[in-house]
Amino acid sequence: MFKKSFGIAIFASVILFSGCENMPTQTSASQITAINQANLAQRTWTATQLGNTMLSSSVTQNLPQLQFDAATQSVTGSDSCNRLSGSYVAGRDTLQLGQLATTRMACLNNNNLDQKFHEALNKVTHYQVYGKTLKLLDRHGNLLIQFATATAAR
């Protein structure tokens, strides 16, 4: 009787401990937020799409770019013609851009890309980073601006 009970106890213990080993570890919300924020920062993001319009560089047109600095929570870049800078606050998937300061150069032959870019930036409330793609979204989840980067997160 003792051997049978002892055998069942050993068997149950093995099943119990092996079950614990196979349980996946869950990523906490704060870890996901930190990962998303790290993926956003320390890269140069070049605009590839503005709303439903695909963008491509040409001789007369530069593409808008953004860089996010997590240490200072500042954003810098260009709107295709003018330099811009400001602040930002990023959450797990939320993004709030502060008032952006820009230079005021005459932007010729850019089809008002600079104005359209600023209008889109003013509507940004959320972001998504997947690999080398950044999407800035409005409060309804609609794509405002899509960016690409040549480098992975540091």
C-alpha atoms as a PDB file:
ATOM      1  CA  MET A   1       0.000   0.000   0.000  1.00  0.00           C
ATOM      2  CA  PHE A   2       2.811   2.404   0.953  1.00  0.00           C
ATOM      3  CA  LYS A   3       4.650   1.721  -2.316  1.00  0.00           C
ATOM      4  CA  LYS A   4       1.518   2.412  -4.348  1.00  0.00           C
ATOM      5  CA  SER A   5       0.831   5.730  -2.543  1.00  0.00           C
ATOM      6  CA  PHE A   6       4.483   6.734  -2.810  1.00  0.00           C
ATOM      7  CA  GLY A   7       4.487   5.951  -6.548  1.00  0.00           C
ATOM      8  CA  ILE A   8       1.344   8.025  -7.151  1.00  0.00           C
ATOM      9  CA  ALA A   9       2.840  10.938  -5.185  1.00  0.00           C
ATOM     10  CA  ILE A  10       6.054  10.823  -7.244  1.00  0.00           C
ATOM     11  CA  PHE A  11       4.080  10.627 -10.496  1.00  0.00           C
ATOM     12  CA  ALA A  12       1.849  13.559  -9.492  1.00  0.00           C
ATOM     13  CA  SER A  13       4.893  15.644  -8.496  1.00  0.00           C
ATOM     14  CA  VAL A  14       6.588  15.010 -11.846  1.00  0.00           C
ATOM     15  CA  ILE A  15       3.461  16.088 -13.746  1.00  0.00           C
ATOM     16  CA  LEU A  16       3.021  19.152 -11.536  1.00  0.00           C
ATOM     17  CA  PHE A  17       6.608  20.360 -11.915  1.00  0.00           C
ATOM     18  CA  SER A  18       6.839  19.623 -15.634  1.00  0.00           C
ATOM     19  CA  GLY A  19       3.602  21.568 -16.168  1.00  0.00           C
ATOM     20  CA  CYS A  20       5.109  24.601 -14.427  1.00  0.00           C
ATOM     21  CA  GLU A  21       8.180  24.549 -16.647  1.00  0.00           C
ATOM     22  CA  ASN A  22       6.129  24.727 -19.831  1.00  0.00           C
ATOM     23  CA  MET A  23       4.045  27.725 -18.804  1.00  0.00           C
ATOM     24  CA  PRO A  24       4.920  30.699 -21.022  1.00  0.00           C
ATOM     25  CA  THR A  25       6.127  33.839 -19.321  1.00  0.00           C
ATOM     26  CA  GLN A  26       3.839  36.782 -19.847  1.00  0.00           C
ATOM     27  CA  THR A  27       5.134  40.207 -20.761  1.00  0.00           C
ATOM     28  CA  SER A  28       3.799  42.869 -18.435  1.00  0.00           C
ATOM     29  CA  ALA A  29       2.137  46.030 -19.720  1.00  0.00           C
ATOM     30  CA  SER A  30       5.077  48.127 -18.525  1.00  0.00           C
ATOM     31  CA  GLN A  31       7.508  45.884 -20.427  1.00  0.00           C
ATOM     32  CA  ILE A  32       5.442  46.211 -23.619  1.00  0.00           C
ATOM     33  CA  THR A  33       5.356  49.983 -23.193  1.00  0.00           C
ATOM     34  CA  ALA A  34       9.143  50.111 -22.734  1.00  0.00           C
ATOM     35  CA  ILE A  35       9.704  47.930 -25.810  1.00  0.00           C
ATOM     36  CA  ASN A  36       7.377  50.059 -27.962  1.00  0.00           C
ATOM     37  CA  GLN A  37       9.022  53.285 -26.789  1.00  0.00           C
ATOM     38  CA  ALA A  38      12.499  51.884 -27.473  1.00  0.00           C
ATOM     39  CA  ASN A  39      11.452  50.813 -30.974  1.00  0.00           C
ATOM     40  CA  LEU A  40      10.142  54.326 -31.658  1.00  0.00           C
ATOM     41  CA  ALA A  41      13.314  56.150 -30.601  1.00  0.00           C
ATOM     42  CA  GLN A  42      16.895  56.352 -31.842  1.00  0.00           C
ATOM     43  CA  ARG A  43      16.043  55.874 -35.515  1.00  0.00           C
ATOM     44  CA  THR A  44      15.513  58.125 -38.505  1.00  0.00           C
ATOM     45  CA  TRP A  45      12.000  57.549 -39.822  1.00  0.00           C
ATOM     46  CA  THR A  46      11.375  58.549 -43.458  1.00  0.00           C
ATOM     47  CA  ALA A  47       7.771  59.046 -44.612  1.00  0.00           C
ATOM     48  CA  THR A  48       6.601  56.553 -47.230  1.00  0.00           C
ATOM     49  CA  GLN A  49       2.862  57.238 -47.145  1.00  0.00           C
ATOM     50  CA  LEU A  50       0.716  60.239 -46.221  1.00  0.00           C
ATOM     51  CA  GLY A  51      -2.901  59.182 -45.792  1.00  0.00           C
ATOM     52  CA  ASN A  52      -3.703  57.085 -48.846  1.00  0.00           C
ATOM     53  CA  THR A  53      -0.921  58.637 -50.944  1.00  0.00           C
ATOM     54  CA  MET A  54       2.369  56.793 -51.407  1.00  0.00           C
ATOM     55  CA  LEU A  55       5.401  59.076 -51.273  1.00  0.00           C
ATOM     56  CA  SER A  56       8.610  58.769 -53.237  1.00  0.00           C
ATOM     57  CA  SER A  57      11.576  61.089 -53.347  1.00  0.00           C
ATOM     58  CA  SER A  58      12.367  62.952 -56.482  1.00  0.00           C
ATOM     59  CA  VAL A  59      14.882  65.537 -57.566  1.00  0.00           C
ATOM     60  CA  THR A  60      12.537  68.379 -56.545  1.00  0.00           C
ATOM     61  CA  GLN A  61      11.058  66.797 -53.428  1.00  0.00           C
ATOM     62  CA  ASN A  62      12.581  65.525 -50.201  1.00  0.00           C
ATOM     63  CA  LEU A  63      10.603  63.177 -47.988  1.00  0.00           C
ATOM     64  CA  PRO A  64       9.569  64.174 -44.473  1.00  0.00           C
ATOM     65  CA  GLN A  65      11.641  62.596 -41.695  1.00  0.00           C
ATOM     66  CA  LEU A  66      11.331  62.289 -37.911  1.00  0.00           C
ATOM     67  CA  GLN A  67      13.698  61.250 -35.125  1.00  0.00           C
ATOM     68  CA  PHE A  68      12.481  60.574 -31.572  1.00  0.00           C
ATOM     69  CA  ASP A  69      14.909  60.941 -28.638  1.00  0.00           C
ATOM     70  CA  ALA A  70      13.657  58.982 -25.621  1.00  0.00           C
ATOM     71  CA  ALA A  71      16.165  60.533 -23.200  1.00  0.00           C
ATOM     72  CA  THR A  72      14.919  64.089 -23.789  1.00  0.00           C
ATOM     73  CA  GLN A  73      11.458  63.179 -25.125  1.00  0.00           C
ATOM     74  CA  SER A  74      12.097  65.425 -28.097  1.00  0.00           C
ATOM     75  CA  VAL A  75      11.248  64.955 -31.731  1.00  0.00           C
ATOM     76  CA  THR A  76      13.184  66.524 -34.603  1.00  0.00           C
ATOM     77  CA  GLY A  77      13.069  66.204 -38.354  1.00  0.00           C
ATOM     78  CA  SER A  78      11.826  67.884 -41.487  1.00  0.00           C
ATOM     79  CA  ASP A  79       8.508  68.299 -43.270  1.00  0.00           C
ATOM     80  CA  SER A  80      10.144  67.925 -46.723  1.00  0.00           C
ATOM     81  CA  CYS A  81      11.266  71.551 -46.739  1.00  0.00           C
ATOM     82  CA  ASN A  82      11.515  73.001 -43.226  1.00  0.00           C
ATOM     83  CA  ARG A  83      13.250  71.662 -40.122  1.00  0.00           C
ATOM     84  CA  LEU A  84      11.002  70.947 -37.162  1.00  0.00           C
ATOM     85  CA  SER A  85      11.432  70.206 -33.480  1.00  0.00           C
ATOM     86  CA  GLY A  86       9.268  69.723 -30.446  1.00  0.00           C
ATOM     87  CA  SER A  87       8.408  67.380 -27.628  1.00  0.00           C
ATOM     88  CA  TYR A  88       6.490  64.137 -27.411  1.00  0.00           C
ATOM     89  CA  VAL A  89       5.041  61.743 -24.852  1.00  0.00           C
ATOM     90  CA  ALA A  90       4.682  58.094 -25.832  1.00  0.00           C
ATOM     91  CA  GLY A  91       2.719  55.410 -24.018  1.00  0.00           C
ATOM     92  CA  ARG A  92       2.120  51.792 -24.886  1.00  0.00           C
ATOM     93  CA  ASP A  93       0.473  52.751 -28.182  1.00  0.00           C
ATOM     94  CA  THR A  94      -0.378  56.417 -27.629  1.00  0.00           C
ATOM     95  CA  LEU A  95       1.633  59.326 -28.920  1.00  0.00           C
ATOM     96  CA  GLN A  96       1.144  62.957 -28.032  1.00  0.00           C
ATOM     97  CA  LEU A  97       3.188  65.468 -30.006  1.00  0.00           C
ATOM     98  CA  GLY A  98       3.804  68.863 -28.398  1.00  0.00           C
ATOM     99  CA  GLN A  99       3.768  72.149 -30.274  1.00  0.00           C
ATOM    100  CA  LEU A 100       6.298  71.870 -33.110  1.00  0.00           C
ATOM    101  CA  ALA A 101       8.636  74.727 -33.990  1.00  0.00           C
ATOM    102  CA  THR A 102       9.588  74.970 -37.659  1.00  0.00           C
ATOM    103  CA  THR A 103      11.769  77.056 -39.895  1.00  0.00           C
ATOM    104  CA  ARG A 104       9.888  79.133 -42.472  1.00  0.00           C
ATOM    105  CA  MET A 105      11.618  78.552 -45.789  1.00  0.00           C
ATOM    106  CA  ALA A 106       9.849  78.992 -49.120  1.00  0.00           C
ATOM    107  CA  CYS A 107       8.841  75.508 -50.222  1.00  0.00           C
ATOM    108  CA  LEU A 108       8.499  75.455 -53.987  1.00  0.00           C
ATOM    109  CA  ASN A 109       7.391  72.535 -56.125  1.00  0.00           C
ATOM    110  CA  ASN A 110       6.502  70.209 -53.264  1.00  0.00           C
ATOM    111  CA  ASN A 111       2.727  70.006 -53.885  1.00  0.00           C
ATOM    112  CA  ASN A 112       2.079  71.391 -50.376  1.00  0.00           C
ATOM    113  CA  LEU A 113       3.571  68.235 -48.862  1.00  0.00           C
ATOM    114  CA  ASP A 114       4.879  70.250 -45.912  1.00  0.00           C
ATOM    115  CA  GLN A 115       1.400  71.581 -45.085  1.00  0.00           C
ATOM    116  CA  LYS A 116      -0.240  68.161 -45.498  1.00  0.00           C
ATOM    117  CA  PHE A 117       2.435  66.611 -43.272  1.00  0.00           C
ATOM    118  CA  HIS A 118       1.787  69.158 -40.491  1.00  0.00           C
ATOM    119  CA  GLU A 119      -1.981  68.696 -40.780  1.00  0.00           C
ATOM    120  CA  ALA A 120      -1.509  64.954 -40.337  1.00  0.00           C
ATOM    121  CA  LEU A 121       0.895  65.401 -37.387  1.00  0.00           C
ATOM    122  CA  ASN A 122      -1.709  67.555 -35.623  1.00  0.00           C
ATOM    123  CA  LYS A 123      -4.156  64.604 -35.677  1.00  0.00           C
ATOM    124  CA  VAL A 124      -1.753  61.952 -34.314  1.00  0.00           C
ATOM    125  CA  THR A 125      -2.906  60.177 -31.130  1.00  0.00           C
ATOM    126  CA  HIS A 126      -1.503  56.644 -31.552  1.00  0.00           C
ATOM    127  CA  TYR A 127       1.434  54.813 -33.073  1.00  0.00           C
ATOM    128  CA  GLN A 128       2.481  51.308 -34.091  1.00  0.00           C
ATOM    129  CA  VAL A 129       6.039  50.097 -34.646  1.00  0.00           C
ATOM    130  CA  TYR A 130       6.636  46.807 -36.445  1.00  0.00           C
ATOM    131  CA  GLY A 131      10.214  46.060 -37.373  1.00  0.00           C
ATOM    132  CA  LYS A 132      11.294  48.865 -39.676  1.00  0.00           C
ATOM    133  CA  THR A 133       7.832  50.419 -40.097  1.00  0.00           C
ATOM    134  CA  LEU A 134       6.223  53.176 -38.022  1.00  0.00           C
ATOM    135  CA  LYS A 135       2.563  54.078 -38.411  1.00  0.00           C
ATOM    136  CA  LEU A 136       1.101  57.260 -36.933  1.00  0.00           C
ATOM    137  CA  LEU A 137      -2.646  56.954 -36.416  1.00  0.00           C
ATOM    138  CA  ASP A 138      -5.564  59.184 -35.469  1.00  0.00           C
ATOM    139  CA  ARG A 139      -7.929  58.515 -32.555  1.00  0.00           C
ATOM    140  CA  HIS A 140     -10.038  56.206 -34.748  1.00  0.00           C
ATOM    141  CA  GLY A 141      -7.061  54.084 -35.806  1.00  0.00           C
ATOM    142  CA  ASN A 142      -6.868  55.550 -39.307  1.00  0.00           C
ATOM    143  CA  LEU A 143      -3.422  55.742 -40.890  1.00  0.00           C
ATOM    144  CA  LEU A 144      -2.171  59.312 -41.101  1.00  0.00           C
ATOM    145  CA  ILE A 145       1.521  58.804 -41.929  1.00  0.00           C
ATOM    146  CA  GLN A 146       3.606  55.691 -42.493  1.00  0.00           C
ATOM    147  CA  PHE A 147       7.382  55.737 -42.137  1.00  0.00           C
ATOM    148  CA  ALA A 148      10.214  53.332 -42.838  1.00  0.00           C
ATOM    149  CA  THR A 149      13.718  53.163 -41.417  1.00  0.00           C
ATOM    150  CA  ALA A 150      16.863  51.545 -42.703  1.00  0.00           C
ATOM    151  CA  THR A 151      18.113  50.619 -39.242  1.00  0.00           C
ATOM    152  CA  ALA A 152      16.863  48.436 -36.421  1.00  0.00           C
ATOM    153  CA  ALA A 153      16.455  49.719 -32.880  1.00  0.00           C
ATOM    154  CA  ARG A 154      19.663  50.201 -30.907  1.00  0.00           C
END
